[in-house]
PDB file of N, CA and C in Angstrom:
ATOM      1  N   MET A   1      36.413 -91.721-101.270  1.00  0.00           N
ATOM      2  CA  MET A   1      36.612 -92.227 -99.933  1.00  0.00           C
ATOM      3  C   MET A   1      35.737 -93.334 -99.377  1.00  0.00           C
ATOM      4  N   MET A   2      36.305 -93.500 -97.891  1.00  0.00           N
ATOM      5  CA  MET A   2      35.976 -94.605 -97.175  1.00  0.00           C
ATOM      6  C   MET A   2      34.650 -94.858 -97.009  1.00  0.00           C
ATOM      7  N   THR A   3      33.980 -95.841 -96.867  1.00  0.00           N
ATOM      8  CA  THR A   3      32.532 -95.759 -96.211  1.00  0.00           C
ATOM      9  C   THR A   3      32.518 -97.140 -95.743  1.00  0.00           C
ATOM     10  N   PRO A   4      31.889 -97.415 -95.035  1.00  0.00           N
ATOM     11  CA  PRO A   4      31.847 -99.073 -93.934  1.00  0.00           C
ATOM     12  C   PRO A   4      31.645 -99.856 -94.858  1.00  0.00           C
ATOM     13  N   GLU A   5      30.245 -99.375 -96.254  1.00  0.00           N
ATOM     14  CA  GLU A   5      30.266-100.431 -96.868  1.00  0.00           C
ATOM     15  C   GLU A   5      31.094-101.458 -98.308  1.00  0.00           C
ATOM     16  N   ASP A   6      32.502 -99.928 -98.177  1.00  0.00           N
ATOM     17  CA  ASP A   6      33.207-100.987 -98.888  1.00  0.00           C
ATOM     18  C   ASP A   6      33.617-102.102 -98.689  1.00  0.00           C
ATOM     19  N   GLY A   7      33.821-102.781 -97.919  1.00  0.00           N
ATOM     20  CA  GLY A   7      34.632-103.970 -97.857  1.00  0.00           C
ATOM     21  C   GLY A   7      36.266-104.295 -97.251  1.00  0.00           C
ATOM     22  N   PHE A   8      36.480-102.959 -97.195  1.00  0.00           N
ATOM     23  CA  PHE A   8      37.893-102.518 -96.761  1.00  0.00           C
ATOM     24  C   PHE A   8      37.954-103.960 -95.240  1.00  0.00           C
ATOM     25  N   ASP A   9      37.522-103.614 -94.446  1.00  0.00           N
ATOM     26  CA  ASP A   9      37.670-104.048 -92.474  1.00  0.00           C
ATOM     27  C   ASP A   9      37.637-105.460 -93.547  1.00  0.00           C
ATOM     28  N   ALA A  10      37.190-106.255 -94.014  1.00  0.00           N
ATOM     29  CA  ALA A  10      36.729-107.503 -94.541  1.00  0.00           C
ATOM     30  C   ALA A  10      37.724-108.267 -95.190  1.00  0.00           C
ATOM     31  N   ARG A  11      38.254-107.438 -96.504  1.00  0.00           N
ATOM     32  CA  ARG A  11      39.456-107.778 -96.948  1.00  0.00           C
ATOM     33  C   ARG A  11      40.673-107.771 -95.979  1.00  0.00           C
ATOM     34  N   LEU A  12      40.960-106.747 -94.896  1.00  0.00           N
ATOM     35  CA  LEU A  12      42.066-106.535 -94.289  1.00  0.00           C
ATOM     36  C   LEU A  12      42.114-107.605 -93.402  1.00  0.00           C
ATOM     37  N   ARG A  13      40.463-107.910 -92.682  1.00  0.00           N
ATOM     38  CA  ARG A  13      40.963-109.171 -91.812  1.00  0.00           C
ATOM     39  C   ARG A  13      41.414-110.178 -92.352  1.00  0.00           C
ATOM     40  N   ALA A  14      40.474-110.545 -93.817  1.00  0.00           N
ATOM     41  CA  ALA A  14      40.922-111.999 -94.559  1.00  0.00           C
ATOM     42  C   ALA A  14      43.025-111.762 -94.709  1.00  0.00           C
ATOM     43  N   ALA A  15      43.001-110.636 -95.118  1.00  0.00           N
ATOM     44  CA  ALA A  15      44.467-110.444 -95.106  1.00  0.00           C
ATOM     45  C   ALA A  15      45.568-111.267 -93.506  1.00  0.00           C
ATOM     46  N   PHE A  16      44.766-110.367 -93.242  1.00  0.00           N
ATOM     47  CA  PHE A  16      45.653-110.967 -91.578  1.00  0.00           C
ATOM     48  C   PHE A  16      45.749-112.347 -91.011  1.00  0.00           C
ATOM     49  N   GLU A  17      44.209-113.056 -91.706  1.00  0.00           N
ATOM     50  CA  GLU A  17      44.087-114.287 -91.380  1.00  0.00           C
ATOM     51  C   GLU A  17      45.401-115.083 -92.246  1.00  0.00           C
ATOM     52  N   LYS A  18      45.362-114.867 -93.615  1.00  0.00           N
ATOM     53  CA  LYS A  18      45.505-115.586 -94.467  1.00  0.00           C
ATOM     54  C   LYS A  18      47.697-115.910 -93.644  1.00  0.00           C
ATOM     55  N   ALA A  19      48.189-114.584 -93.820  1.00  0.00           N
ATOM     56  CA  ALA A  19      49.285-114.342 -93.193  1.00  0.00           C
ATOM     57  C   ALA A  19      49.570-114.642 -91.572  1.00  0.00           C
ATOM     58  N   ASP A  20      48.424-114.399 -90.552  1.00  0.00           N
ATOM     59  CA  ASP A  20      48.198-115.987 -89.464  1.00  0.00           C
ATOM     60  C   ASP A  20      48.972-117.319 -89.649  1.00  0.00           C
ATOM     61  N   ALA A  21      48.078-118.003 -90.836  1.00  0.00           N
ATOM     62  CA  ALA A  21      47.714-119.263 -91.365  1.00  0.00           C
ATOM     63  C   ALA A  21      49.697-119.691 -91.714  1.00  0.00           C
ATOM     64  N   GLN A  22      50.134-118.822 -92.291  1.00  0.00           N
ATOM     65  CA  GLN A  22      51.461-119.163 -93.164  1.00  0.00           C
ATOM     66  C   GLN A  22      52.462-119.180 -91.680  1.00  0.00           C
ATOM     67  N   ILE A  23      52.534-118.516 -90.562  1.00  0.00           N
ATOM     68  CA  ILE A  23      53.129-118.379 -90.095  1.00  0.00           C
ATOM     69  C   ILE A  23      53.378-119.818 -88.993  1.00  0.00           C
ATOM     70  N   THR A  24      54.798-120.578 -88.860  1.00  0.00           N
ATOM     71  CA  THR A  24      55.148-121.758 -87.911  1.00  0.00           C
ATOM     72  C   THR A  24      55.332-121.694 -86.721  1.00  0.00           C
ATOM     73  N   PRO A  25      54.958-121.510 -85.774  1.00  0.00           N
ATOM     74  CA  PRO A  25      55.609-121.585 -84.580  1.00  0.00           C
ATOM     75  C   PRO A  25      56.862-122.340 -84.177  1.00  0.00           C
ATOM     76  N   ASP A  26      57.787-121.672 -83.803  1.00  0.00           N
ATOM     77  CA  ASP A  26      59.538-121.927 -83.318  1.00  0.00           C
ATOM     78  C   ASP A  26      59.718-121.757 -81.893  1.00  0.00           C
ATOM     79  N   PRO A  27      59.279-123.520 -81.066  1.00  0.00           N
ATOM     80  CA  PRO A  27      59.502-123.374 -79.538  1.00  0.00           C
ATOM     81  C   PRO A  27      61.105-122.854 -79.373  1.00  0.00           C
ATOM     82  N   ALA A  28      61.688-122.902 -80.061  1.00  0.00           N
ATOM     83  CA  ALA A  28      63.467-122.772 -79.414  1.00  0.00           C
ATOM     84  C   ALA A  28      63.785-121.288 -79.940  1.00  0.00           C
ATOM     85  N   PHE A  29      63.083-121.055 -80.669  1.00  0.00           N
ATOM     86  CA  PHE A  29      62.671-119.224 -80.408  1.00  0.00           C
ATOM     87  C   PHE A  29      62.361-118.460 -79.117  1.00  0.00           C
ATOM     88  N   THR A  30      60.849-119.147 -79.243  1.00  0.00           N
ATOM     89  CA  THR A  30      59.960-118.708 -78.175  1.00  0.00           C
ATOM     90  C   THR A  30      60.721-119.060 -76.910  1.00  0.00           C
ATOM     91  N   ARG A  31      61.250-119.594 -76.767  1.00  0.00           N
ATOM     92  CA  ARG A  31      62.047-120.140 -75.339  1.00  0.00           C
ATOM     93  C   ARG A  31      63.482-119.327 -74.825  1.00  0.00           C
ATOM     94  N   ARG A  32      64.455-119.028 -76.384  1.00  0.00           N
ATOM     95  CA  ARG A  32      65.608-118.399 -76.021  1.00  0.00           C
ATOM     96  C   ARG A  32      65.297-116.605 -75.740  1.00  0.00           C
ATOM     97  N   VAL A  33      63.617-116.385 -76.336  1.00  0.00           N
ATOM     98  CA  VAL A  33      63.266-115.106 -76.161  1.00  0.00           C
ATOM     99  C   VAL A  33      62.929-114.732 -74.519  1.00  0.00           C
ATOM    100  N   LEU A  34      62.069-115.760 -74.226  1.00  0.00           N
ATOM    101  CA  LEU A  34      61.432-116.138 -72.487  1.00  0.00           C
ATOM    102  C   LEU A  34      62.957-115.886 -71.741  1.00  0.00           C
ATOM    103  N   GLY A  35      63.809-116.573 -71.740  1.00  0.00           N
ATOM    104  CA  GLY A  35      64.867-116.571 -71.508  1.00  0.00           C
ATOM    105  C   GLY A  35      65.539-115.398 -71.280  1.00  0.00           C
ATOM    106  N   ARG A  36      65.792-114.985 -72.171  1.00  0.00           N
ATOM    107  CA  ARG A  36      66.594-113.515 -72.047  1.00  0.00           C
ATOM    108  C   ARG A  36      65.519-112.349 -71.578  1.00  0.00           C
ATOM    109  N   LEU A  37      63.848-112.249 -71.444  1.00  0.00           N
ATOM    110  CA  LEU A  37      63.283-111.397 -70.461  1.00  0.00           C
ATOM    111  C   LEU A  37      63.555-111.530 -69.186  1.00  0.00           C
ATOM    112  N   GLY A  38      63.842-112.895 -68.683  1.00  0.00           N
ATOM    113  CA  GLY A  38      63.968-113.257 -66.603  1.00  0.00           C
ATOM    114  C   GLY A  38      65.162-112.338 -66.276  1.00  0.00           C
ATOM    115  N   LYS A  39      66.215-112.503 -67.531  1.00  0.00           N
ATOM    116  CA  LYS A  39      67.252-111.547 -67.197  1.00  0.00           C
ATOM    117  C   LYS A  39      67.242-110.002 -66.608  1.00  0.00           C
ATOM    118  N   SER A  40      66.595-110.080 -65.847  1.00  0.00           N
ATOM    119  CA  SER A  40      66.305-108.307 -65.753  1.00  0.00           C
ATOM    120  C   SER A  40      67.528-107.575 -64.742  1.00  0.00           C
ATOM    121  N   VAL A  41      68.387-108.308 -64.276  1.00  0.00           N
ATOM    122  CA  VAL A  41      69.104-107.659 -63.462  1.00  0.00           C
ATOM    123  C   VAL A  41      70.813-108.560 -63.899  1.00  0.00           C
ATOM    124  N   ASN A  42      71.752-107.518 -64.486  1.00  0.00           N
ATOM    125  CA  ASN A  42      72.845-108.019 -65.239  1.00  0.00           C
ATOM    126  C   ASN A  42      74.025-107.584 -64.540  1.00  0.00           C
ATOM    127  N   PRO A  43      74.341-108.301 -64.021  1.00  0.00           N
ATOM    128  CA  PRO A  43      75.902-107.489 -62.929  1.00  0.00           C
ATOM    129  C   PRO A  43      77.266-107.000 -63.253  1.00  0.00           C
ATOM    130  N   ARG A  44      76.447-107.026 -64.766  1.00  0.00           N
ATOM    131  CA  ARG A  44      78.535-106.528 -66.340  1.00  0.00           C
ATOM    132  C   ARG A  44      77.442-105.318 -66.443  1.00  0.00           C
ATOM    133  N   LEU A  45      76.625-105.113 -66.145  1.00  0.00           N
ATOM    134  CA  LEU A  45      75.949-103.615 -66.339  1.00  0.00           C
ATOM    135  C   LEU A  45      75.919-102.561 -65.045  1.00  0.00           C
ATOM    136  N   LEU A  46      75.192-103.653 -64.315  1.00  0.00           N
ATOM    137  CA  LEU A  46      75.749-102.647 -62.818  1.00  0.00           C
ATOM    138  C   LEU A  46      77.076-102.461 -62.054  1.00  0.00           C
ATOM    139  N   VAL A  47      78.133-103.238 -62.366  1.00  0.00           N
ATOM    140  CA  VAL A  47      79.847-102.413 -62.691  1.00  0.00           C
ATOM    141  C   VAL A  47      79.637-101.578 -63.470  1.00  0.00           C
ATOM    142  N   LEU A  48      79.491-101.705 -64.606  1.00  0.00           N
ATOM    143  CA  LEU A  48      79.881-101.116 -65.784  1.00  0.00           C
ATOM    144  C   LEU A  48      79.180 -99.304 -65.671  1.00  0.00           C
ATOM    145  N   GLY A  49      77.765 -99.555 -65.126  1.00  0.00           N
ATOM    146  CA  GLY A  49      77.268 -98.286 -64.135  1.00  0.00           C
ATOM    147  C   GLY A  49      77.482 -97.714 -63.659  1.00  0.00           C
ATOM    148  N   SER A  50      78.241 -98.421 -62.444  1.00  0.00           N
ATOM    149  CA  SER A  50      79.054 -97.870 -61.397  1.00  0.00           C
ATOM    150  C   SER A  50      79.823 -97.342 -61.955  1.00  0.00           C
ATOM    151  N   ALA A  51      81.058 -97.782 -62.483  1.00  0.00           N
ATOM    152  CA  ALA A  51      82.197 -97.093 -62.669  1.00  0.00           C
ATOM    153  C   ALA A  51      81.967 -96.173 -62.884  1.00  0.00           C
ATOM    154  N   GLY A  52      81.191 -95.438 -63.983  1.00  0.00           N
ATOM    155  CA  GLY A  52      80.555 -95.035 -64.829  1.00  0.00           C
ATOM    156  C   GLY A  52      80.470 -93.518 -64.248  1.00  0.00           C
ATOM    157  N   ALA A  53      79.634 -93.934 -62.962  1.00  0.00           N
ATOM    158  CA  ALA A  53      79.132 -93.283 -62.010  1.00  0.00           C
ATOM    159  C   ALA A  53      80.078 -92.088 -61.185  1.00  0.00           C
ATOM    160  N   THR A  54      81.054 -93.427 -60.450  1.00  0.00           N
ATOM    161  CA  THR A  54      82.316 -92.688 -59.864  1.00  0.00           C
ATOM    162  C   THR A  54      82.888 -91.957 -60.822  1.00  0.00           C
ATOM    163  N   GLY A  55      83.093 -92.402 -62.141  1.00  0.00           N
ATOM    164  CA  GLY A  55      84.173 -91.622 -63.227  1.00  0.00           C
ATOM    165  C   GLY A  55      83.884 -90.073 -62.820  1.00  0.00           C
ATOM    166  N   SER A  56      82.394 -90.094 -63.204  1.00  0.00           N
ATOM    167  CA  SER A  56      81.305 -89.124 -63.406  1.00  0.00           C
ATOM    168  C   SER A  56      81.825 -87.591 -62.489  1.00  0.00           C
ATOM    169  N   ALA A  57      81.447 -88.744 -61.349  1.00  0.00           N
ATOM    170  CA  ALA A  57      81.830 -87.452 -60.413  1.00  0.00           C
ATOM    171  C   ALA A  57      83.413 -87.054 -59.793  1.00  0.00           C
ATOM    172  N   LEU A  58      83.980 -87.690 -60.036  1.00  0.00           N
ATOM    173  CA  LEU A  58      85.677 -87.801 -59.883  1.00  0.00           C
ATOM    174  C   LEU A  58      85.804 -86.018 -61.130  1.00  0.00           C
ATOM    175  N   ALA A  59      85.499 -86.632 -62.161  1.00  0.00           N
ATOM    176  CA  ALA A  59      85.204 -85.548 -63.959  1.00  0.00           C
ATOM    177  C   ALA A  59      84.862 -84.537 -63.128  1.00  0.00           C
ATOM    178  N   SER A  60      83.570 -84.698 -62.212  1.00  0.00           N
ATOM    179  CA  SER A  60      83.021 -83.409 -62.495  1.00  0.00           C
ATOM    180  C   SER A  60      83.781 -82.187 -61.533  1.00  0.00           C
ATOM    181  N   ALA A  61      84.020 -83.098 -60.378  1.00  0.00           N
ATOM    182  CA  ALA A  61      84.598 -82.147 -58.980  1.00  0.00           C
ATOM    183  C   ALA A  61      86.413 -81.541 -59.938  1.00  0.00           C
ATOM    184  N   GLN A  62      86.393 -81.981 -61.211  1.00  0.00           N
ATOM    185  CA  GLN A  62      88.024 -81.821 -61.643  1.00  0.00           C
ATOM    186  C   GLN A  62      87.515 -80.871 -62.456  1.00  0.00           C
ATOM    187  N   LEU A  63      86.518 -80.561 -63.118  1.00  0.00           N
ATOM    188  CA  LEU A  63      86.031 -80.022 -64.392  1.00  0.00           C
ATOM    189  C   LEU A  63      85.395 -78.461 -63.884  1.00  0.00           C
ATOM    190  N   GLU A  64      84.664 -78.718 -62.424  1.00  0.00           N
ATOM    191  CA  GLU A  64      83.719 -77.389 -62.195  1.00  0.00           C
ATOM    192  C   GLU A  64      85.438 -76.834 -61.891  1.00  0.00           C
ATOM    193  N   ARG A  65      87.159 -76.937 -61.774  1.00  0.00           N
ATOM    194  CA  ARG A  65      87.864 -76.119 -61.189  1.00  0.00           C
ATOM    195  C   ARG A  65      88.003 -75.299 -62.337  1.00  0.00           C
ATOM    196  N   LEU A  66      88.453 -76.331 -63.587  1.00  0.00           N
ATOM    197  CA  LEU A  66      88.798 -75.781 -65.003  1.00  0.00           C
ATOM    198  C   LEU A  66      87.801 -74.958 -65.622  1.00  0.00           C
ATOM    199  N   VAL A  67      86.579 -74.956 -65.231  1.00  0.00           N
ATOM    200  CA  VAL A  67      85.722 -74.133 -66.023  1.00  0.00           C
ATOM    201  C   VAL A  67      85.430 -73.056 -65.094  1.00  0.00           C
ATOM    202  N   ASP A  68      85.644 -72.790 -63.688  1.00  0.00           N
ATOM    203  CA  ASP A  68      85.612 -71.707 -63.127  1.00  0.00           C
ATOM    204  C   ASP A  68      86.709 -70.955 -63.573  1.00  0.00           C
ATOM    205  N   GLY A  69      88.000 -70.918 -64.584  1.00  0.00           N
ATOM    206  CA  GLY A  69      88.858 -70.450 -64.540  1.00  0.00           C
ATOM    207  C   GLY A  69      88.798 -69.671 -65.744  1.00  0.00           C
ATOM    208  N   ILE A  70      87.919 -70.146 -66.799  1.00  0.00           N
ATOM    209  CA  ILE A  70      87.384 -69.204 -68.306  1.00  0.00           C
ATOM    210  C   ILE A  70      87.231 -68.531 -67.961  1.00  0.00           C
ATOM    211  N   GLN A  71      87.907 -67.602 -68.815  1.00  0.00           N
ATOM    212  CA  GLN A  71      87.444 -66.288 -69.235  1.00  0.00           C
ATOM    213  C   GLN A  71      86.722 -65.339 -70.375  1.00  0.00           C
ATOM    214  N   PHE A  72      85.763 -65.297 -70.640  1.00  0.00           N
ATOM    215  CA  PHE A  72      85.106 -65.277 -71.948  1.00  0.00           C
ATOM    216  C   PHE A  72      85.500 -63.425 -72.533  1.00  0.00           C
ATOM    217  N   HIS A  73      85.911 -63.132 -73.872  1.00  0.00           N
ATOM    218  CA  HIS A  73      85.432 -61.695 -74.053  1.00  0.00           C
ATOM    219  C   HIS A  73      84.319 -61.816 -74.641  1.00  0.00           C
ATOM    220  N   ASN A  74      83.522 -62.249 -74.990  1.00  0.00           N
ATOM    221  CA  ASN A  74      82.527 -62.245 -75.169  1.00  0.00           C
ATOM    222  C   ASN A  74      81.116 -62.052 -74.262  1.00  0.00           C
ATOM    223  N   ALA A  75      81.009 -60.331 -74.500  1.00  0.00           N
ATOM    224  CA  ALA A  75      80.104 -59.886 -73.079  1.00  0.00           C
ATOM    225  C   ALA A  75      78.673 -60.955 -72.910  1.00  0.00           C
ATOM    226  N   VAL A  76      78.232 -61.473 -74.016  1.00  0.00           N
ATOM    227  CA  VAL A  76      77.344 -62.709 -74.304  1.00  0.00           C
ATOM    228  C   VAL A  76      77.216 -63.847 -73.085  1.00  0.00           C
ATOM    229  N   LEU A  77      78.505 -64.506 -73.604  1.00  0.00           N
ATOM    230  CA  LEU A  77      78.623 -65.683 -73.297  1.00  0.00           C
ATOM    231  C   LEU A  77      79.625 -65.118 -71.865  1.00  0.00           C
ATOM    232  N   THR A  78      80.495 -63.970 -71.383  1.00  0.00           N
ATOM    233  CA  THR A  78      80.377 -63.801 -70.290  1.00  0.00           C
ATOM    234  C   THR A  78      78.830 -63.747 -68.834  1.00  0.00           C
ATOM    235  N   GLN A  79      78.042 -63.392 -69.834  1.00  0.00           N
ATOM    236  CA  GLN A  79      76.809 -63.662 -69.043  1.00  0.00           C
ATOM    237  C   GLN A  79      75.842 -64.585 -68.805  1.00  0.00           C
ATOM    238  N   VAL A  80      76.022 -65.346 -69.552  1.00  0.00           N
ATOM    239  CA  VAL A  80      75.694 -66.499 -69.662  1.00  0.00           C
ATOM    240  C   VAL A  80      76.172 -67.209 -68.814  1.00  0.00           C
ATOM    241  N   PHE A  81      77.754 -67.178 -68.883  1.00  0.00           N
ATOM    242  CA  PHE A  81      78.387 -67.721 -67.699  1.00  0.00           C
ATOM    243  C   PHE A  81      77.927 -67.421 -66.693  1.00  0.00           C
ATOM    244  N   ASP A  82      77.950 -66.569 -65.760  1.00  0.00           N
ATOM    245  CA  ASP A  82      77.896 -65.475 -65.105  1.00  0.00           C
ATOM    246  C   ASP A  82      76.718 -65.904 -63.992  1.00  0.00           C
ATOM    247  N   THR A  83      75.687 -66.385 -65.163  1.00  0.00           N
ATOM    248  CA  THR A  83      74.232 -66.712 -64.788  1.00  0.00           C
ATOM    249  C   THR A  83      74.275 -68.184 -64.333  1.00  0.00           C
ATOM    250  N   PHE A  84      75.072 -68.926 -64.923  1.00  0.00           N
ATOM    251  CA  PHE A  84      74.896 -70.301 -64.866  1.00  0.00           C
ATOM    252  C   PHE A  84      75.633 -70.931 -63.796  1.00  0.00           C
ATOM    253  N   GLY A  85      76.924 -70.086 -64.071  1.00  0.00           N
ATOM    254  CA  GLY A  85      77.744 -70.490 -63.242  1.00  0.00           C
ATOM    255  C   GLY A  85      78.968 -71.884 -63.166  1.00  0.00           C
ATOM    256  N   ALA A  86      79.956 -72.107 -62.916  1.00  0.00           N
ATOM    257  CA  ALA A  86      80.960 -73.026 -63.154  1.00  0.00           C
ATOM    258  C   ALA A  86      80.253 -74.807 -62.896  1.00  0.00           C
ATOM    259  N   GLN A  87      79.258 -74.865 -61.698  1.00  0.00           N
ATOM    260  CA  GLN A  87      78.830 -75.859 -61.517  1.00  0.00           C
ATOM    261  C   GLN A  87      77.427 -76.489 -62.152  1.00  0.00           C
ATOM    262  N   GLY A  88      76.679 -75.350 -62.605  1.00  0.00           N
ATOM    263  CA  GLY A  88      75.943 -75.078 -64.011  1.00  0.00           C
ATOM    264  C   GLY A  88      75.910 -76.089 -65.320  1.00  0.00           C
ATOM    265  N   ILE A  89      77.445 -75.202 -65.234  1.00  0.00           N
ATOM    266  CA  ILE A  89      77.813 -75.363 -67.198  1.00  0.00           C
ATOM    267  C   ILE A  89      78.520 -76.852 -67.240  1.00  0.00           C
ATOM    268  N   VAL A  90      79.016 -77.451 -65.748  1.00  0.00           N
ATOM    269  CA  VAL A  90      79.528 -78.514 -65.978  1.00  0.00           C
ATOM    270  C   VAL A  90      78.125 -79.705 -65.651  1.00  0.00           C
ATOM    271  N   ALA A  91      76.735 -79.663 -64.650  1.00  0.00           N
ATOM    272  CA  ALA A  91      76.251 -80.588 -64.730  1.00  0.00           C
ATOM    273  C   ALA A  91      75.329 -80.901 -66.264  1.00  0.00           C
ATOM    274  N   ALA A  92      75.186 -79.608 -66.850  1.00  0.00           N
ATOM    275  CA  ALA A  92      74.850 -79.781 -68.289  1.00  0.00           C
ATOM    276  C   ALA A  92      75.440 -80.188 -69.437  1.00  0.00           C
ATOM    277  N   ALA A  93      76.954 -80.189 -68.963  1.00  0.00           N
ATOM    278  CA  ALA A  93      78.108 -80.725 -70.223  1.00  0.00           C
ATOM    279  C   ALA A  93      77.585 -82.653 -69.374  1.00  0.00           C
ATOM    280  N   PHE A  94      77.910 -82.500 -68.597  1.00  0.00           N
ATOM    281  CA  PHE A  94      77.515 -84.380 -67.660  1.00  0.00           C
ATOM    282  C   PHE A  94      76.001 -85.133 -68.002  1.00  0.00           C
ATOM    283  N   THR A  95      75.321 -83.706 -67.877  1.00  0.00           N
ATOM    284  CA  THR A  95      73.264 -84.217 -68.581  1.00  0.00           C
ATOM    285  C   THR A  95      73.658 -84.556 -69.566  1.00  0.00           C
ATOM    286  N   LEU A  96      74.031 -83.496 -70.879  1.00  0.00           N
ATOM    287  CA  LEU A  96      74.139 -84.208 -72.278  1.00  0.00           C
ATOM    288  C   LEU A  96      74.933 -85.548 -72.420  1.00  0.00           C
ATOM    289  N   ALA A  97      75.992 -85.285 -72.125  1.00  0.00           N
ATOM    290  CA  ALA A  97      76.906 -87.011 -71.981  1.00  0.00           C
ATOM    291  C   ALA A  97      75.478 -87.789 -71.063  1.00  0.00           C
ATOM    292  N   ALA A  98      75.467 -88.033 -70.364  1.00  0.00           N
ATOM    293  CA  ALA A  98      74.459 -89.181 -69.922  1.00  0.00           C
ATOM    294  C   ALA A  98      73.245 -88.989 -70.724  1.00  0.00           C
ATOM    295  N   ALA A  99      72.901 -87.745 -71.615  1.00  0.00           N
ATOM    296  CA  ALA A  99      71.539 -88.421 -72.546  1.00  0.00           C
ATOM    297  C   ALA A  99      71.861 -89.325 -73.680  1.00  0.00           C
ATOM    298  N   SER A 100      72.705 -88.366 -74.343  1.00  0.00           N
ATOM    299  CA  SER A 100      73.696 -89.356 -75.254  1.00  0.00           C
ATOM    300  C   SER A 100      73.892 -90.746 -74.944  1.00  0.00           C
ATOM    301  N   LEU A 101      74.838 -90.853 -74.268  1.00  0.00           N
ATOM    302  CA  LEU A 101      74.692 -92.230 -73.126  1.00  0.00           C
ATOM    303  C   LEU A 101      73.738 -93.084 -73.838  1.00  0.00           C
ATOM    304  N   ALA A 102      72.510 -93.111 -73.228  1.00  0.00           N
ATOM    305  CA  ALA A 102      71.245 -93.443 -72.367  1.00  0.00           C
ATOM    306  C   ALA A 102      70.659 -93.342 -73.901  1.00  0.00           C
ATOM    307  N   TYR A 103      71.477 -92.902 -75.111  1.00  0.00           N
ATOM    308  CA  TYR A 103      70.575 -93.168 -76.056  1.00  0.00           C
ATOM    309  C   TYR A 103      70.946 -94.141 -76.970  1.00  0.00           C
ATOM    310  N   ALA A 104      72.630 -93.904 -76.581  1.00  0.00           N
ATOM    311  CA  ALA A 104      73.386 -94.734 -77.806  1.00  0.00           C
ATOM    312  C   ALA A 104      73.530 -96.600 -77.035  1.00  0.00           C
ATOM    313  N   LEU A 105      73.779 -96.584 -75.621  1.00  0.00           N
ATOM    314  CA  LEU A 105      73.795 -97.823 -75.175  1.00  0.00           C
ATOM    315  C   LEU A 105      72.917 -98.727 -75.335  1.00  0.00           C
ATOM    316  N   PRO A 106      71.808 -98.819 -75.183  1.00  0.00           N
ATOM    317  CA  PRO A 106      70.592 -99.827 -75.485  1.00  0.00           C
ATOM    318  C   PRO A 106      70.302-100.439 -76.747  1.00  0.00           C
ATOM    319  N   ARG A 107      71.609 -99.753 -77.741  1.00  0.00           N
ATOM    320  CA  ARG A 107      71.925 -99.950 -79.682  1.00  0.00           C
ATOM    321  C   ARG A 107      72.977-100.885 -79.535  1.00  0.00           C
ATOM    322  N   VAL A 108      73.780-100.600 -78.238  1.00  0.00           N
ATOM    323  CA  VAL A 108      75.074-101.582 -78.231  1.00  0.00           C
ATOM    324  C   VAL A 108      74.693-102.874 -77.669  1.00  0.00           C
ATOM    325  N   ARG A 109      75.331-103.780 -78.391  1.00  0.00           N
ATOM    326  CA  ARG A 109      75.205-105.486 -77.595  1.00  0.00           C
ATOM    327  C   ARG A 109      76.852-105.103 -76.698  1.00  0.00           C
ATOM    328  N   LEU A 110      77.052-105.290 -75.451  1.00  0.00           N
ATOM    329  CA  LEU A 110      77.774-105.452 -74.464  1.00  0.00           C
ATOM    330  C   LEU A 110      78.349-106.273 -74.308  1.00  0.00           C
TER     331      LEU A 110
END
């Protein structure tokens, strides 16, 4: 069991001070990172986002008609579909698609 008298905090502080002393700052790296942080609005991302939103709106209008014609032979699926309706099912599908893109795109360099 650790107690305040065992010197752990002092050893930990000394280890961090030793690690900090070994770091050599690189001004070029700092400038590069700070330069990228200043670019908050990227026109490419705005164009891609607008195109994606337009495509999603067009696709959802078509999918609602497609989903509306589906007939299920399973009573549970029929009841779920009747409860949520075609518009709700399409909205849920696009929500899942948007969530997966929001999860994946920050990790991809465009």
